[in-house]
Amino acid sequence: MKITLLALGSRGDVQPAVALGKGLAAHGHAVRILAGTNFHPWIQAHGLQTADSTVDTEVMMQTELGITWAERGTNPFVTSKTVAQLHERFGDALADDMVRASEDAEVILSSFTSSMHATAIAAATGAVHISAMLQPSPLATRHGPASMAAVSPRGDSVLNLLFSKLVVEPTLWSMTGPVFNRLRNKLDLPQQGRKEAIATLRRTPTVFGCSPHLVPRAPDWPENWQLAGFWFLDEPEAYQPPEALVRFLEAGEPPICIGFGSMPARDPKALTHMILDALAQSGRRAILLSGWAGLGGVTLPETVFRLDSAPHGWLFPRVAAVVTHGGAGTIAASLRAGRPTVTVPHLGDQLYWGRRIAELGVGPEPIPRPKLRASRLATALAAVSDRDMMRRAAELGEKLRAEEGVATGVAMIEKLVADHRR
């Protein structure tokens, strides 16, 4: 089958798509991935074809709008306004990229950022559309543990359902609806209102690339929504770490790994100084992953090592704990390594993952980015030394390492396509 994977977003959105794409390619399918131009060389190095794209997602996130979203995105009003503006600025170009990438596709696999648009493209081309989500759906459910915006997060409640229907879904529509209907116009499709568009999404077969150990299946999900497990990209065993990093790891107790992935920062030096202050208060050694925030740029003590990047599958088993923005890919890698995880959610589903980590007792309560202070981070760094938390994280790691998320996801997708064609 000719399969197009729409993976527009950060590294955390693209890497699981590459893992799934390689799994599909190994089954004989022709796979093409649409991602930001900044990821093309890396995707191609994994032997996968890239679709032409006009947007560099790192450049997009380094704009004033992107930085505002990253630093204040835990505020729903800021998110609603900022994402709507980002859609107006970049949305039409991204939608056009999706159309071109899907022109000859027999199957379209969409992500959170592209699923609504993909319903229109599939309707116009006749392709089979399956949503390949890396987080639970934002659509309405009573089940708090599977809801990204739960009023009652620990159990079933009609309040969760009502909040999603009355607040979350209208907010999502206000951000994406205008670009979505402009796309439908270009495809000679009739306009859709919010309720019809949401109903179409809810009917769309969905495979979740996340573990049921973190995202329990909601009883009110449609039958064709299935949990596959996380889609991990197996990194090359031949990875050679810098000698200085090896010496640092061997020079003392396992450090804390701190990095915020693809989240930019308005003042990288100030953020770095805050982290260094927290480390001094806690007495912990650390590895700083610079990421899109640009951590570093200041004089570091001997107890802190700055690193541009390293495969998480190699690095995380060698550290004591991980401090992260809470993106799905990073928390999956941290928990798979069996490490307690501190989340500093910046935006989107990161709030959900931070909440679930705390509920499962494998990390402390999340620290939303606007509330990040050295004292709060120092308290969290002390918490990850708790023996019970370390034990729970190790036990969860064993369960995640036993999963075969990519193989399961490939099998689910192939079956959903076969069922659709019957």
Protein backbone atom coordinates (compact mmCIF):
# COMPACT_ATOMS: atom_id res chain seq x y z
CA MET A 1 0.00 0.00 0.00
CA LYS A 2 1.02 3.60 -0.58
CA ILE A 3 0.87 5.23 2.84
CA THR A 4 1.34 8.89 3.71
CA LEU A 5 2.12 9.74 7.33
CA LEU A 6 1.25 13.31 8.29
CA ALA A 7 3.70 14.11 11.10
CA LEU A 8 3.75 17.88 11.33
CA GLY A 9 5.10 19.10 14.65
CA SER A 10 8.14 18.80 16.87
CA ARG A 11 10.74 16.04 17.12
CA GLY A 12 8.40 14.31 19.56
CA ASP A 13 5.73 14.14 16.85
CA VAL A 14 8.08 13.05 14.09
CA GLN A 15 10.21 10.39 15.80
CA PRO A 16 7.31 8.00 16.62
CA ALA A 17 6.06 8.48 13.05
CA VAL A 18 9.48 7.42 11.75
CA ALA A 19 9.35 4.34 14.00
CA LEU A 20 5.88 3.45 12.71
CA GLY A 21 6.89 4.24 9.14
CA LYS A 22 9.87 1.89 9.35
CA GLY A 23 7.61 -0.81 10.72
CA LEU A 24 5.17 -0.34 7.84
CA ALA A 25 8.00 -0.29 5.29
CA ALA A 26 9.32 -3.56 6.72
CA HIS A 27 5.91 -5.04 5.85
CA GLY A 28 6.33 -4.03 2.23
CA HIS A 29 4.39 -0.78 2.22
CA ALA A 30 5.56 2.36 0.41
CA VAL A 31 5.77 5.02 3.12
CA ARG A 32 6.07 8.78 2.72
CA ILE A 33 6.30 11.17 5.68
CA LEU A 34 5.23 14.80 5.71
CA ALA A 35 7.18 16.69 8.35
CA GLY A 36 8.89 20.05 8.73
CA THR A 37 11.79 20.64 6.37
CA ASN A 38 14.15 20.70 9.37
CA PHE A 39 13.56 16.95 9.84
CA HIS A 40 13.96 15.81 6.23
CA PRO A 41 17.66 14.75 6.30
CA TRP A 42 17.13 12.76 9.50
CA ILE A 43 14.01 11.00 8.16
CA GLN A 44 15.77 10.16 4.91
CA ALA A 45 18.73 8.76 6.87
CA HIS A 46 16.27 6.19 8.23
CA GLY A 47 15.48 5.08 4.68
CA LEU A 48 12.08 6.73 4.40
CA GLN A 49 10.77 9.09 1.72
CA THR A 50 9.82 12.64 2.68
CA ALA A 51 7.04 14.67 1.12
CA ASP A 52 7.74 18.23 0.00
CA SER A 53 7.08 20.70 2.80
CA THR A 54 7.15 24.49 2.91
CA VAL A 55 7.42 24.95 6.68
CA ASP A 56 10.37 24.57 9.06
CA THR A 57 8.73 23.79 12.40
CA GLU A 58 11.74 24.93 14.44
CA VAL A 59 11.65 28.32 12.72
CA MET A 60 7.90 28.46 13.35
CA MET A 61 8.33 27.75 17.07
CA GLN A 62 11.11 30.35 17.36
CA THR A 63 8.75 33.12 16.21
CA GLU A 64 7.24 35.45 18.79
CA LEU A 65 3.99 33.48 18.58
CA GLY A 66 5.78 30.17 19.06
CA ILE A 67 7.75 31.38 22.07
CA THR A 68 4.63 32.88 23.66
CA TRP A 69 2.79 29.60 23.19
CA ALA A 70 5.67 27.59 24.66
CA GLU A 71 6.10 29.80 27.72
CA ARG A 72 2.42 30.50 28.47
CA GLY A 73 0.65 27.60 26.78
CA THR A 74 -0.65 26.11 30.02
CA ASN A 75 -3.10 29.04 30.06
CA PRO A 76 -6.03 27.92 27.85
CA PHE A 77 -6.88 31.48 26.83
CA VAL A 78 -3.31 32.13 25.68
CA THR A 79 -3.27 28.82 23.82
CA SER A 80 -6.58 29.50 22.08
CA LYS A 81 -5.48 32.94 20.88
CA THR A 82 -1.91 31.99 19.98
CA VAL A 83 -2.70 28.75 18.16
CA ALA A 84 -5.44 30.49 16.18
CA GLN A 85 -2.87 33.11 15.11
CA LEU A 86 -0.34 30.40 14.21
CA HIS A 87 -3.00 28.68 12.12
CA GLU A 88 -3.80 31.91 10.31
CA ARG A 89 -0.10 32.49 9.60
CA PHE A 90 1.01 28.95 8.70
CA GLY A 91 -2.16 26.85 8.47
CA ASP A 92 -3.03 27.27 4.79
CA ALA A 93 0.52 26.41 3.69
CA LEU A 94 0.54 23.33 5.94
CA ALA A 95 -2.86 22.26 4.61
CA ASP A 96 -1.61 22.59 1.02
CA ASP A 97 1.44 20.49 1.97
CA MET A 98 -0.90 17.79 3.31
CA VAL A 99 -2.87 17.72 0.07
CA ARG A 100 0.25 17.36 -2.09
CA ALA A 101 1.70 14.69 0.19
CA SER A 102 -1.51 12.65 -0.02
CA GLU A 103 -2.24 12.92 -3.75
CA ASP A 104 -1.55 9.27 -4.63
CA ALA A 105 -1.86 7.77 -1.16
CA GLU A 106 -4.08 4.77 -0.61
CA VAL A 107 -3.91 5.28 3.15
CA ILE A 108 -3.49 8.53 5.09
CA LEU A 109 -2.24 8.30 8.67
CA SER A 110 -2.78 11.58 10.49
CA SER A 111 -1.67 12.91 13.86
CA PHE A 112 -3.23 15.26 16.39
CA THR A 113 -2.17 18.29 14.35
CA SER A 114 -3.57 17.00 11.06
CA SER A 115 -6.50 14.66 11.72
CA MET A 116 -9.28 17.14 11.02
CA HIS A 117 -7.70 18.26 7.74
CA ALA A 118 -7.08 14.62 6.80
CA THR A 119 -10.82 13.88 6.99
CA ALA A 120 -11.33 16.38 4.17
CA ILE A 121 -8.40 15.14 2.08
CA ALA A 122 -9.55 11.51 2.38
CA ALA A 123 -13.09 12.51 1.41
CA ALA A 124 -11.73 14.20 -1.71
CA THR A 125 -9.26 11.48 -2.78
CA GLY A 126 -10.98 8.30 -1.62
CA ALA A 127 -8.02 7.26 0.52
CA VAL A 128 -8.52 5.32 3.73
CA HIS A 129 -7.99 7.66 6.67
CA ILE A 130 -6.74 6.38 10.03
CA SER A 131 -5.78 8.68 12.86
CA ALA A 132 -2.42 7.68 14.38
CA MET A 133 -2.41 9.57 17.66
CA LEU A 134 0.43 9.92 20.15
CA GLN A 135 -1.85 11.10 22.95
CA PRO A 136 -5.45 10.46 24.03
CA SER A 137 -8.07 12.12 21.91
CA PRO A 138 -9.24 15.58 23.00
CA LEU A 139 -12.78 14.54 22.07
CA ALA A 140 -15.38 13.99 24.74
CA THR A 141 -15.19 11.06 27.17
CA ARG A 142 -16.49 10.46 30.68
CA HIS A 143 -13.29 8.63 31.66
CA GLY A 144 -10.90 11.01 33.43
CA PRO A 145 -7.68 8.95 33.10
CA ALA A 146 -8.13 8.95 29.30
CA SER A 147 -9.14 12.61 29.02
CA MET A 148 -6.71 15.42 28.24
CA ALA A 149 -9.03 17.95 29.90
CA ALA A 150 -10.70 16.17 32.79
CA VAL A 151 -12.62 17.99 35.50
CA SER A 152 -12.64 14.73 37.45
CA PRO A 153 -9.33 13.11 36.39
CA ARG A 154 -9.38 9.91 38.45
CA GLY A 155 -12.70 8.36 37.46
CA ASP A 156 -15.80 8.45 35.29
CA SER A 157 -17.89 11.60 35.46
CA VAL A 158 -20.49 13.29 33.33
CA LEU A 159 -18.61 16.52 34.15
CA ASN A 160 -15.68 15.33 32.02
CA LEU A 161 -18.06 14.73 29.13
CA LEU A 162 -19.76 18.09 29.50
CA PHE A 163 -16.51 20.02 29.83
CA SER A 164 -15.16 18.47 26.64
CA LYS A 165 -18.35 19.09 24.68
CA LEU A 166 -18.99 22.60 25.98
CA VAL A 167 -15.44 23.94 26.29
CA VAL A 168 -12.71 21.78 24.72
CA GLU A 169 -14.35 20.94 21.40
CA PRO A 170 -15.57 24.51 20.70
CA THR A 171 -12.09 25.82 21.56
CA LEU A 172 -10.42 23.36 19.18
CA TRP A 173 -12.87 24.36 16.48
CA SER A 174 -12.23 28.07 16.99
CA MET A 175 -8.51 27.44 16.42
CA THR A 176 -8.73 25.08 13.43
CA GLY A 177 -12.16 25.54 11.84
CA PRO A 178 -11.42 28.51 9.54
CA VAL A 179 -8.36 26.89 7.91
CA PHE A 180 -10.21 23.55 7.74
CA ASN A 181 -13.14 25.00 5.80
CA ARG A 182 -10.85 26.96 3.49
CA LEU A 183 -9.22 23.61 2.71
CA ARG A 184 -12.62 22.03 2.03
CA ASN A 185 -13.36 24.88 -0.40
CA LYS A 186 -10.13 24.17 -2.29
CA LEU A 187 -11.09 20.49 -2.47
CA ASP A 188 -14.61 21.35 -3.77
CA LEU A 189 -16.19 19.93 -0.64
CA PRO A 190 -19.11 21.54 1.19
CA GLN A 191 -18.45 23.48 4.36
CA GLN A 192 -18.78 21.67 7.68
CA GLY A 193 -19.90 23.02 11.01
CA ARG A 194 -18.25 22.12 14.29
CA LYS A 195 -20.62 19.32 15.29
CA GLU A 196 -20.38 17.58 11.92
CA ALA A 197 -16.59 17.89 11.80
CA ILE A 198 -16.21 16.54 15.36
CA ALA A 199 -18.61 13.66 14.58
CA THR A 200 -16.51 12.76 11.53
CA LEU A 201 -13.37 12.71 13.67
CA ARG A 202 -15.06 10.51 16.24
CA ARG A 203 -16.01 7.99 13.52
CA THR A 204 -12.44 7.91 12.19
CA PRO A 205 -10.58 4.66 12.99
CA THR A 206 -7.81 5.54 15.44
CA VAL A 207 -4.66 3.78 16.58
CA PHE A 208 -3.02 5.32 19.63
CA GLY A 209 0.76 5.09 19.82
CA CYS A 210 0.75 5.16 23.59
CA SER A 211 0.73 2.53 26.29
CA PRO A 212 -2.40 1.32 28.07
CA HIS A 213 -0.27 1.39 31.21
CA LEU A 214 -0.47 5.19 31.01
CA VAL A 215 -3.62 5.72 28.95
CA PRO A 216 -6.32 3.27 30.01
CA ARG A 217 -8.94 2.57 27.39
CA ALA A 218 -12.06 4.66 28.00
CA PRO A 219 -15.25 2.55 28.14
CA ASP A 220 -17.07 5.07 25.92
CA TRP A 221 -14.49 5.12 23.12
CA PRO A 222 -15.68 3.82 19.73
CA GLU A 223 -14.75 0.19 19.04
CA ASN A 224 -12.38 1.22 16.24
CA TRP A 225 -10.19 3.25 18.63
CA GLN A 226 -7.32 1.01 19.73
CA LEU A 227 -4.21 1.31 21.93
CA ALA A 228 -1.04 -0.09 20.38
CA GLY A 229 1.69 0.93 22.83
CA PHE A 230 4.38 3.57 22.38
CA TRP A 231 6.16 3.72 19.02
CA PHE A 232 9.83 3.66 19.94
CA LEU A 233 12.50 4.26 17.34
CA ASP A 234 15.34 1.85 17.98
CA GLU A 235 18.48 3.93 17.88
CA PRO A 236 21.71 2.60 16.38
CA GLU A 237 23.62 0.38 18.78
CA ALA A 238 26.78 1.86 17.27
CA TYR A 239 26.18 5.25 18.93
CA GLN A 240 29.50 6.59 20.20
CA PRO A 241 29.04 9.12 23.01
CA PRO A 242 31.55 11.95 23.38
CA GLU A 243 34.47 10.93 25.59
CA ALA A 244 33.81 13.93 27.83
CA LEU A 245 30.27 12.67 28.45
CA VAL A 246 31.52 9.20 29.36
CA ARG A 247 34.02 10.70 31.79
CA PHE A 248 31.30 12.85 33.35
CA LEU A 249 28.99 9.88 33.83
CA GLU A 250 31.79 7.87 35.44
CA ALA A 251 32.93 10.71 37.72
CA GLY A 252 30.12 10.49 40.28
CA GLU A 253 26.61 9.39 41.08
CA PRO A 254 24.16 9.15 38.15
CA PRO A 255 23.09 12.68 37.19
CA ILE A 256 19.67 14.12 36.51
CA CYS A 257 18.96 14.72 32.81
CA ILE A 258 17.26 18.07 32.20
CA GLY A 259 15.92 19.25 28.86
CA PHE A 260 12.80 20.76 27.35
CA GLY A 261 13.00 19.23 23.88
CA SER A 262 11.42 21.32 21.15
CA MET A 263 10.12 24.03 23.48
CA PRO A 264 11.85 27.39 22.86
CA ALA A 265 12.71 29.92 25.56
CA ARG A 266 12.61 33.70 25.42
CA ASP A 267 15.66 34.00 27.69
CA PRO A 268 17.75 30.80 27.54
CA LYS A 269 20.43 32.14 29.89
CA ALA A 270 17.91 33.09 32.58
CA LEU A 271 16.29 29.67 32.32
CA THR A 272 19.70 28.01 32.58
CA HIS A 273 20.58 30.06 35.68
CA MET A 274 17.28 29.03 37.28
CA ILE A 275 18.09 25.36 36.65
CA LEU A 276 21.62 25.78 38.03
CA ASP A 277 20.18 27.40 41.16
CA ALA A 278 17.84 24.43 41.66
CA LEU A 279 20.71 22.00 41.19
CA ALA A 280 22.83 23.88 43.73
CA GLN A 281 19.97 23.75 46.24
CA SER A 282 19.47 20.02 45.71
CA GLY A 283 23.15 19.08 45.46
CA ARG A 284 22.51 17.03 42.30
CA ARG A 285 24.71 16.53 39.24
CA ALA A 286 23.03 17.07 35.88
CA ILE A 287 23.22 16.74 32.13
CA LEU A 288 21.64 19.69 30.30
CA LEU A 289 20.14 18.84 26.89
CA SER A 290 20.20 22.20 25.12
CA GLY A 291 17.24 21.56 22.79
CA TRP A 292 15.29 24.34 21.08
CA ALA A 293 15.37 26.27 24.37
CA GLY A 294 19.12 26.70 23.92
CA LEU A 295 19.97 25.71 27.49
CA GLY A 296 23.56 26.63 28.34
CA GLY A 297 25.40 29.69 27.14
CA VAL A 298 26.64 30.41 30.67
CA THR A 299 29.56 29.17 32.75
CA LEU A 300 28.65 25.75 34.11
CA PRO A 301 29.98 24.15 37.29
CA GLU A 302 31.89 20.87 37.06
CA THR A 303 28.76 19.09 38.27
CA VAL A 304 26.81 20.03 35.12
CA PHE A 305 27.48 18.78 31.58
CA ARG A 306 25.87 20.42 28.54
CA LEU A 307 24.96 18.21 25.60
CA ASP A 308 23.36 19.15 22.30
CA SER A 309 21.61 15.81 21.94
CA ALA A 310 21.93 12.07 22.50
CA PRO A 311 19.68 9.09 21.79
CA HIS A 312 17.26 8.85 24.70
CA GLY A 313 17.43 5.07 24.56
CA TRP A 314 21.16 5.27 25.29
CA LEU A 315 21.19 8.21 27.71
CA PHE A 316 18.19 7.74 29.98
CA PRO A 317 19.17 4.33 31.44
CA ARG A 318 22.43 6.00 32.54
CA VAL A 319 20.83 8.82 34.55
CA ALA A 320 18.98 8.85 37.87
CA ALA A 321 15.90 10.76 36.72
CA VAL A 322 14.66 12.95 33.87
CA VAL A 323 13.27 16.49 33.93
CA THR A 324 11.33 17.15 30.74
CA HIS A 325 8.69 19.37 29.16
CA GLY A 326 6.45 16.31 29.12
CA GLY A 327 6.23 15.59 25.41
CA ALA A 328 4.87 12.11 24.69
CA GLY A 329 8.08 10.82 23.12
CA THR A 330 10.36 11.99 25.91
CA ILE A 331 8.20 10.76 28.77
CA ALA A 332 7.80 7.42 27.00
CA ALA A 333 11.58 7.06 26.72
CA SER A 334 12.13 8.13 30.32
CA LEU A 335 9.54 5.76 31.73
CA ARG A 336 10.70 2.94 29.46
CA ALA A 337 14.14 3.38 31.06
CA GLY A 338 12.45 3.02 34.45
CA ARG A 339 13.37 6.50 35.61
CA PRO A 340 11.35 8.86 37.82
CA THR A 341 10.22 11.75 35.67
CA VAL A 342 9.66 15.41 36.51
CA THR A 343 7.44 17.24 34.03
CA VAL A 344 7.47 20.97 33.32
CA PRO A 345 4.51 21.19 30.94
CA HIS A 346 4.63 24.03 28.44
CA LEU A 347 1.54 23.36 26.31
CA GLY A 348 -0.93 20.86 24.89
CA ASP A 349 -0.85 17.21 25.91
CA GLN A 350 2.18 17.81 28.13
CA LEU A 351 -0.25 18.77 30.91
CA TYR A 352 -1.94 15.39 30.57
CA TRP A 353 1.30 13.41 30.71
CA GLY A 354 2.48 15.35 33.74
CA ARG A 355 -0.79 14.62 35.49
CA ARG A 356 -0.69 10.90 34.68
CA ILE A 357 2.94 10.55 35.83
CA ALA A 358 2.01 12.04 39.20
CA GLU A 359 -1.15 9.91 39.47
CA LEU A 360 0.87 6.76 38.84
CA GLY A 361 3.45 7.79 41.43
CA VAL A 362 6.40 7.65 39.00
CA GLY A 363 7.14 11.36 39.32
CA PRO A 364 6.20 14.35 41.47
CA GLU A 365 3.41 16.80 40.70
CA PRO A 366 4.08 18.65 37.43
CA ILE A 367 5.41 22.21 37.47
CA PRO A 368 3.69 24.26 34.73
CA ARG A 369 6.25 26.34 32.83
CA PRO A 370 4.89 29.74 34.03
CA LYS A 371 5.26 28.53 37.64
CA LEU A 372 8.78 27.14 37.25
CA ARG A 373 11.03 28.49 39.99
CA ALA A 374 14.35 27.24 41.32
CA SER A 375 12.81 26.36 44.67
CA ARG A 376 10.01 24.28 43.12
CA LEU A 377 12.42 22.49 40.82
CA ALA A 378 14.77 21.77 43.74
CA THR A 379 11.87 20.23 45.65
CA ALA A 380 11.02 18.04 42.65
CA LEU A 381 14.67 16.98 42.29
CA ALA A 382 14.63 15.86 45.91
CA ALA A 383 11.39 13.94 45.38
CA VAL A 384 12.82 11.68 42.66
CA SER A 385 15.11 10.06 45.24
CA ASP A 386 12.09 8.58 47.03
CA ARG A 387 12.57 4.80 47.11
CA ASP A 388 8.91 4.01 46.47
CA MET A 389 8.84 6.35 43.47
CA MET A 390 12.01 4.77 42.10
CA ARG A 391 10.52 1.29 42.57
CA ARG A 392 7.27 2.20 40.82
CA ALA A 393 9.18 3.78 37.93
CA ALA A 394 11.36 0.67 37.57
CA GLU A 395 8.29 -1.59 37.54
CA LEU A 396 6.57 0.55 34.91
CA GLY A 397 9.76 0.49 32.84
CA GLU A 398 9.69 -3.31 32.79
CA LYS A 399 6.12 -3.28 31.50
CA LEU A 400 6.89 -0.74 28.77
CA ARG A 401 9.99 -2.62 27.62
CA ALA A 402 7.82 -5.73 27.19
CA GLU A 403 5.48 -3.97 24.76
CA GLU A 404 5.80 -4.21 20.97
CA GLY A 405 4.09 -0.96 20.09
CA VAL A 406 5.29 -0.64 16.49
CA ALA A 407 4.47 -4.24 15.55
CA THR A 408 1.08 -3.96 17.23
CA GLY A 409 0.37 -0.64 15.54
CA VAL A 410 1.28 -1.99 12.10
CA ALA A 411 -1.01 -5.00 12.59
CA MET A 412 -3.87 -2.78 13.76
CA ILE A 413 -3.49 -0.43 10.79
CA GLU A 414 -3.40 -3.28 8.28
CA LYS A 415 -6.53 -4.81 9.81
CA LEU A 416 -8.40 -1.50 9.86
CA VAL A 417 -7.59 -0.97 6.17
CA ALA A 418 -8.69 -4.53 5.33
CA ASP A 419 -11.94 -4.06 7.27
CA HIS A 420 -12.60 -0.77 5.45
CA ARG A 421 -12.19 -2.43 2.05
CA ARG A 422 -14.55 -5.31 2.73
